[in-house]
Amino acid sequence: MDERQIFVGKKPVHLYVRAVVMAMDSGDRVVRLTARGSAIGNAVDTAELCRRRHGTIAAGLPETVHVRSVDIATEMTERRDGAGERGVSVIHIVLEGEGDVPAQDEEE
């Protein structure tokens, strides 16, 4: 089963929800959301909006969306000033869509 990875940053959450909808609409029913540092809250919000199918954008998701797994870790990255390393929190949220994707109404 293919898994699409979406990197979540500081942009508005609805953009990441739309990315999940587009991925699942194109056939990737398993999507991994990855976020680091202060963007972790956006990843959690995106996963919850998708899981609850909340809002007009999320209405384009499959009938049910489950959170398959959540992994939390710390990545060591080089400091900007070059003086050693520092830890950055990372979250991986795997969403799985089941069921049919609602048909898109096309305007003629």
N, C-alpha and C. Protein backbone atom coordinates (compact mmCIF):
# COMPACT_ATOMS: atom_id res chain seq x y z
N MET A 1 0.85 -1.18 0.00
CA MET A 1 0.00 0.00 0.00
C MET A 1 0.89 1.24 0.00
N ASP A 2 0.62 2.16 -0.93
CA ASP A 2 1.40 3.38 -1.03
C ASP A 2 1.08 4.32 0.13
N GLU A 3 2.11 5.03 0.55
CA GLU A 3 1.93 6.00 1.64
C GLU A 3 2.48 7.34 1.18
N ARG A 4 1.65 8.35 1.18
CA ARG A 4 2.07 9.70 0.78
C ARG A 4 2.51 10.44 2.03
N GLN A 5 3.61 11.18 1.94
CA GLN A 5 4.09 11.95 3.07
C GLN A 5 3.85 13.43 2.81
N ILE A 6 3.26 14.10 3.81
CA ILE A 6 3.00 15.53 3.74
C ILE A 6 3.73 16.19 4.90
N PHE A 7 4.59 17.15 4.58
CA PHE A 7 5.32 17.88 5.60
C PHE A 7 4.49 19.09 6.02
N VAL A 8 4.18 19.16 7.31
CA VAL A 8 3.34 20.23 7.84
C VAL A 8 4.24 21.31 8.42
N GLY A 9 3.95 22.56 8.04
CA GLY A 9 4.72 23.69 8.53
C GLY A 9 3.83 24.70 9.22
N LYS A 10 4.10 25.97 8.98
CA LYS A 10 3.38 27.04 9.67
C LYS A 10 2.28 27.68 8.84
N LYS A 11 2.00 27.13 7.65
CA LYS A 11 0.93 27.67 6.82
C LYS A 11 -0.42 27.36 7.47
N PRO A 12 -1.50 27.97 6.99
CA PRO A 12 -2.83 27.69 7.56
C PRO A 12 -3.20 26.20 7.43
N VAL A 13 -3.88 25.70 8.45
CA VAL A 13 -4.20 24.27 8.54
C VAL A 13 -5.02 23.80 7.35
N HIS A 14 -5.94 24.64 6.84
CA HIS A 14 -6.80 24.18 5.75
C HIS A 14 -6.00 23.80 4.50
N LEU A 15 -4.81 24.35 4.33
CA LEU A 15 -3.98 23.96 3.19
C LEU A 15 -3.48 22.53 3.32
N TYR A 16 -3.18 22.11 4.54
CA TYR A 16 -2.72 20.74 4.77
C TYR A 16 -3.89 19.76 4.69
N VAL A 17 -5.08 20.19 5.15
CA VAL A 17 -6.27 19.35 5.01
C VAL A 17 -6.54 19.13 3.52
N ARG A 18 -6.42 20.19 2.72
CA ARG A 18 -6.62 20.06 1.27
C ARG A 18 -5.60 19.11 0.66
N ALA A 19 -4.36 19.15 1.14
CA ALA A 19 -3.32 18.24 0.63
C ALA A 19 -3.68 16.79 0.94
N VAL A 20 -4.23 16.53 2.13
CA VAL A 20 -4.67 15.18 2.49
C VAL A 20 -5.82 14.75 1.59
N VAL A 21 -6.78 15.64 1.37
CA VAL A 21 -7.92 15.33 0.49
C VAL A 21 -7.42 14.99 -0.91
N MET A 22 -6.51 15.78 -1.44
CA MET A 22 -5.99 15.54 -2.78
C MET A 22 -5.24 14.22 -2.86
N ALA A 23 -4.47 13.89 -1.82
CA ALA A 23 -3.73 12.63 -1.81
C ALA A 23 -4.68 11.44 -1.79
N MET A 24 -5.69 11.51 -0.94
CA MET A 24 -6.63 10.39 -0.84
C MET A 24 -7.52 10.30 -2.08
N ASP A 25 -7.83 11.43 -2.68
CA ASP A 25 -8.64 11.44 -3.90
C ASP A 25 -7.87 10.81 -5.07
N SER A 26 -6.55 10.95 -5.06
CA SER A 26 -5.74 10.38 -6.13
C SER A 26 -5.40 8.92 -5.90
N GLY A 27 -5.89 8.34 -4.82
CA GLY A 27 -5.70 6.91 -4.59
C GLY A 27 -4.80 6.53 -3.43
N ASP A 28 -4.09 7.48 -2.86
CA ASP A 28 -3.24 7.18 -1.70
C ASP A 28 -4.09 7.23 -0.44
N ARG A 29 -4.54 6.07 0.02
CA ARG A 29 -5.43 6.03 1.18
C ARG A 29 -4.68 6.08 2.50
N VAL A 30 -3.36 6.01 2.48
CA VAL A 30 -2.54 6.13 3.69
C VAL A 30 -1.66 7.36 3.52
N VAL A 31 -1.77 8.29 4.47
CA VAL A 31 -1.03 9.55 4.40
C VAL A 31 -0.29 9.75 5.72
N ARG A 32 1.00 10.12 5.61
CA ARG A 32 1.82 10.39 6.80
C ARG A 32 2.03 11.90 6.90
N LEU A 33 1.58 12.47 8.01
CA LEU A 33 1.83 13.88 8.31
C LEU A 33 3.09 13.96 9.16
N THR A 34 4.03 14.79 8.77
CA THR A 34 5.27 14.95 9.51
C THR A 34 5.46 16.42 9.84
N ALA A 35 5.75 16.71 11.11
CA ALA A 35 5.98 18.09 11.53
C ALA A 35 7.09 18.13 12.56
N ARG A 36 7.77 19.26 12.60
CA ARG A 36 8.86 19.47 13.55
C ARG A 36 8.62 20.75 14.33
N GLY A 37 9.06 20.76 15.57
CA GLY A 37 9.04 21.97 16.39
C GLY A 37 7.67 22.59 16.57
N SER A 38 7.58 23.89 16.31
CA SER A 38 6.33 24.61 16.57
C SER A 38 5.22 24.26 15.60
N ALA A 39 5.50 23.52 14.54
CA ALA A 39 4.47 23.12 13.58
C ALA A 39 3.73 21.85 14.01
N ILE A 40 4.14 21.26 15.13
CA ILE A 40 3.49 20.03 15.60
C ILE A 40 2.00 20.26 15.87
N GLY A 41 1.66 21.40 16.42
CA GLY A 41 0.25 21.72 16.68
C GLY A 41 -0.57 21.74 15.40
N ASN A 42 0.00 22.27 14.31
CA ASN A 42 -0.70 22.28 13.03
C ASN A 42 -0.94 20.86 12.52
N ALA A 43 0.03 19.97 12.73
CA ALA A 43 -0.13 18.59 12.28
C ALA A 43 -1.24 17.90 13.06
N VAL A 44 -1.30 18.13 14.36
CA VAL A 44 -2.36 17.54 15.19
C VAL A 44 -3.72 18.09 14.77
N ASP A 45 -3.81 19.40 14.55
CA ASP A 45 -5.06 20.01 14.11
C ASP A 45 -5.49 19.45 12.75
N THR A 46 -4.55 19.28 11.84
CA THR A 46 -4.86 18.72 10.52
C THR A 46 -5.41 17.31 10.66
N ALA A 47 -4.75 16.49 11.48
CA ALA A 47 -5.20 15.11 11.66
C ALA A 47 -6.60 15.06 12.26
N GLU A 48 -6.88 15.90 13.23
CA GLU A 48 -8.20 15.90 13.87
C GLU A 48 -9.29 16.39 12.92
N LEU A 49 -9.01 17.42 12.14
CA LEU A 49 -10.00 17.90 11.17
C LEU A 49 -10.30 16.81 10.13
N CYS A 50 -9.27 16.09 9.72
CA CYS A 50 -9.48 15.01 8.76
C CYS A 50 -10.23 13.84 9.40
N ARG A 51 -9.85 13.49 10.61
CA ARG A 51 -10.50 12.36 11.29
C ARG A 51 -11.99 12.62 11.50
N ARG A 52 -12.33 13.86 11.87
CA ARG A 52 -13.73 14.20 12.11
C ARG A 52 -14.44 14.65 10.84
N ARG A 53 -13.69 14.77 9.72
CA ARG A 53 -14.23 15.26 8.44
C ARG A 53 -14.96 16.58 8.67
N HIS A 54 -14.30 17.48 9.38
CA HIS A 54 -14.90 18.76 9.76
C HIS A 54 -14.59 19.82 8.72
N GLY A 55 -15.62 20.50 8.24
CA GLY A 55 -15.44 21.60 7.29
C GLY A 55 -15.72 21.17 5.86
N THR A 56 -15.86 22.16 4.99
CA THR A 56 -16.20 21.87 3.60
C THR A 56 -15.05 21.21 2.85
N ILE A 57 -13.82 21.55 3.17
CA ILE A 57 -12.68 20.92 2.49
C ILE A 57 -12.59 19.45 2.88
N ALA A 58 -12.71 19.15 4.18
CA ALA A 58 -12.58 17.78 4.66
C ALA A 58 -13.76 16.90 4.24
N ALA A 59 -14.84 17.50 3.76
CA ALA A 59 -15.98 16.70 3.29
C ALA A 59 -15.60 15.87 2.07
N GLY A 60 -14.50 16.19 1.41
CA GLY A 60 -14.05 15.42 0.25
C GLY A 60 -13.22 14.20 0.61
N LEU A 61 -13.09 13.91 1.89
CA LEU A 61 -12.34 12.73 2.34
C LEU A 61 -13.20 11.48 2.26
N PRO A 62 -12.57 10.29 2.33
CA PRO A 62 -13.35 9.05 2.37
C PRO A 62 -14.30 9.02 3.57
N GLU A 63 -15.22 8.05 3.55
CA GLU A 63 -16.27 7.96 4.58
C GLU A 63 -15.71 7.97 5.99
N THR A 64 -14.65 7.23 6.23
CA THR A 64 -14.02 7.23 7.55
C THR A 64 -12.52 7.43 7.40
N VAL A 65 -11.95 8.20 8.30
CA VAL A 65 -10.50 8.42 8.34
C VAL A 65 -10.05 8.07 9.75
N HIS A 66 -9.12 7.11 9.84
CA HIS A 66 -8.61 6.65 11.13
C HIS A 66 -7.18 7.15 11.31
N VAL A 67 -6.81 7.40 12.56
CA VAL A 67 -5.42 7.66 12.89
C VAL A 67 -4.80 6.29 13.14
N ARG A 68 -3.97 5.85 12.22
CA ARG A 68 -3.36 4.52 12.32
C ARG A 68 -2.27 4.50 13.38
N SER A 69 -1.43 5.55 13.40
CA SER A 69 -0.35 5.59 14.40
C SER A 69 0.12 7.02 14.61
N VAL A 70 0.71 7.23 15.77
CA VAL A 70 1.35 8.52 16.11
C VAL A 70 2.71 8.19 16.71
N ASP A 71 3.76 8.73 16.12
CA ASP A 71 5.11 8.53 16.63
C ASP A 71 5.71 9.88 16.97
N ILE A 72 6.32 9.95 18.14
CA ILE A 72 6.96 11.17 18.60
C ILE A 72 8.43 10.86 18.84
N ALA A 73 9.30 11.76 18.37
CA ALA A 73 10.73 11.53 18.52
C ALA A 73 11.45 12.86 18.66
N THR A 74 12.74 12.78 18.88
CA THR A 74 13.60 13.96 18.89
C THR A 74 14.70 13.74 17.87
N GLU A 75 14.84 14.70 16.95
CA GLU A 75 15.92 14.66 15.97
C GLU A 75 17.01 15.62 16.40
N MET A 76 18.22 15.19 16.26
CA MET A 76 19.35 16.06 16.56
C MET A 76 19.74 16.80 15.29
N THR A 77 19.76 18.13 15.37
CA THR A 77 20.13 18.96 14.22
C THR A 77 21.27 19.89 14.61
N GLU A 78 22.02 20.29 13.62
CA GLU A 78 23.13 21.21 13.85
C GLU A 78 22.59 22.59 14.22
N ARG A 79 23.19 23.19 15.21
CA ARG A 79 22.78 24.54 15.61
C ARG A 79 23.14 25.53 14.52
N ARG A 80 22.37 26.62 14.44
CA ARG A 80 22.61 27.64 13.41
C ARG A 80 23.98 28.29 13.54
N ASP A 81 24.44 28.44 14.79
CA ASP A 81 25.75 29.08 14.99
C ASP A 81 26.90 28.08 14.85
N GLY A 82 26.56 26.81 14.55
CA GLY A 82 27.58 25.80 14.33
C GLY A 82 28.20 25.23 15.59
N ALA A 83 27.71 25.62 16.76
CA ALA A 83 28.28 25.18 18.03
C ALA A 83 27.55 23.95 18.56
N GLY A 84 27.72 22.82 17.91
CA GLY A 84 27.13 21.59 18.40
C GLY A 84 25.76 21.29 17.81
N GLU A 85 25.04 20.43 18.52
CA GLU A 85 23.72 20.00 18.07
C GLU A 85 22.66 20.36 19.09
N ARG A 86 21.41 20.37 18.61
CA ARG A 86 20.28 20.59 19.51
C ARG A 86 19.17 19.64 19.10
N GLY A 87 18.31 19.33 20.05
CA GLY A 87 17.20 18.42 19.78
C GLY A 87 15.97 19.17 19.30
N VAL A 88 15.30 18.62 18.29
CA VAL A 88 14.06 19.18 17.77
C VAL A 88 13.00 18.09 17.82
N SER A 89 11.86 18.39 18.43
CA SER A 89 10.77 17.42 18.51
C SER A 89 10.16 17.20 17.14
N VAL A 90 9.79 15.94 16.86
CA VAL A 90 9.19 15.56 15.58
C VAL A 90 7.99 14.67 15.86
N ILE A 91 6.93 14.84 15.06
CA ILE A 91 5.77 13.97 15.17
C ILE A 91 5.44 13.41 13.79
N HIS A 92 5.08 12.14 13.75
CA HIS A 92 4.62 11.47 12.53
C HIS A 92 3.23 10.94 12.83
N ILE A 93 2.23 11.39 12.08
CA ILE A 93 0.85 10.93 12.26
C ILE A 93 0.44 10.25 10.96
N VAL A 94 0.05 8.97 11.05
CA VAL A 94 -0.36 8.23 9.87
C VAL A 94 -1.88 8.14 9.86
N LEU A 95 -2.49 8.67 8.79
CA LEU A 95 -3.94 8.63 8.60
C LEU A 95 -4.28 7.60 7.54
N GLU A 96 -5.39 6.90 7.75
CA GLU A 96 -5.85 5.92 6.77
C GLU A 96 -7.31 6.18 6.45
N GLY A 97 -7.62 6.33 5.18
CA GLY A 97 -8.99 6.56 4.74
C GLY A 97 -9.62 5.26 4.26
N GLU A 98 -10.87 5.02 4.68
CA GLU A 98 -11.60 3.83 4.27
C GLU A 98 -12.95 4.24 3.71
N GLY A 99 -13.40 3.53 2.70
CA GLY A 99 -14.69 3.83 2.11
C GLY A 99 -14.54 4.65 0.84
N ASP A 100 -15.67 5.07 0.32
CA ASP A 100 -15.70 5.82 -0.93
C ASP A 100 -15.44 7.30 -0.70
N VAL A 101 -14.78 7.89 -1.67
CA VAL A 101 -14.59 9.34 -1.68
C VAL A 101 -15.83 9.95 -2.33
N PRO A 102 -16.44 10.96 -1.72
CA PRO A 102 -17.63 11.57 -2.32
C PRO A 102 -17.33 12.11 -3.72
N ALA A 103 -18.30 11.98 -4.60
CA ALA A 103 -18.13 12.47 -5.97
C ALA A 103 -18.05 13.99 -5.97
N GLN A 104 -17.15 14.51 -6.77
CA GLN A 104 -17.00 15.96 -6.88
C GLN A 104 -18.04 16.49 -7.86
N ASP A 105 -18.79 17.50 -7.47
CA ASP A 105 -19.76 18.13 -8.37
C ASP A 105 -19.00 19.08 -9.28
N GLU A 106 -19.07 18.79 -10.58
CA GLU A 106 -18.38 19.63 -11.55
C GLU A 106 -19.36 20.60 -12.17
N GLU A 107 -18.95 21.86 -12.22
CA GLU A 107 -19.80 22.88 -12.85
C GLU A 107 -19.55 22.87 -14.34
N GLU A 108 -20.62 22.98 -15.11
CA GLU A 108 -20.48 22.96 -16.57
C GLU A 108 -20.57 24.34 -17.13
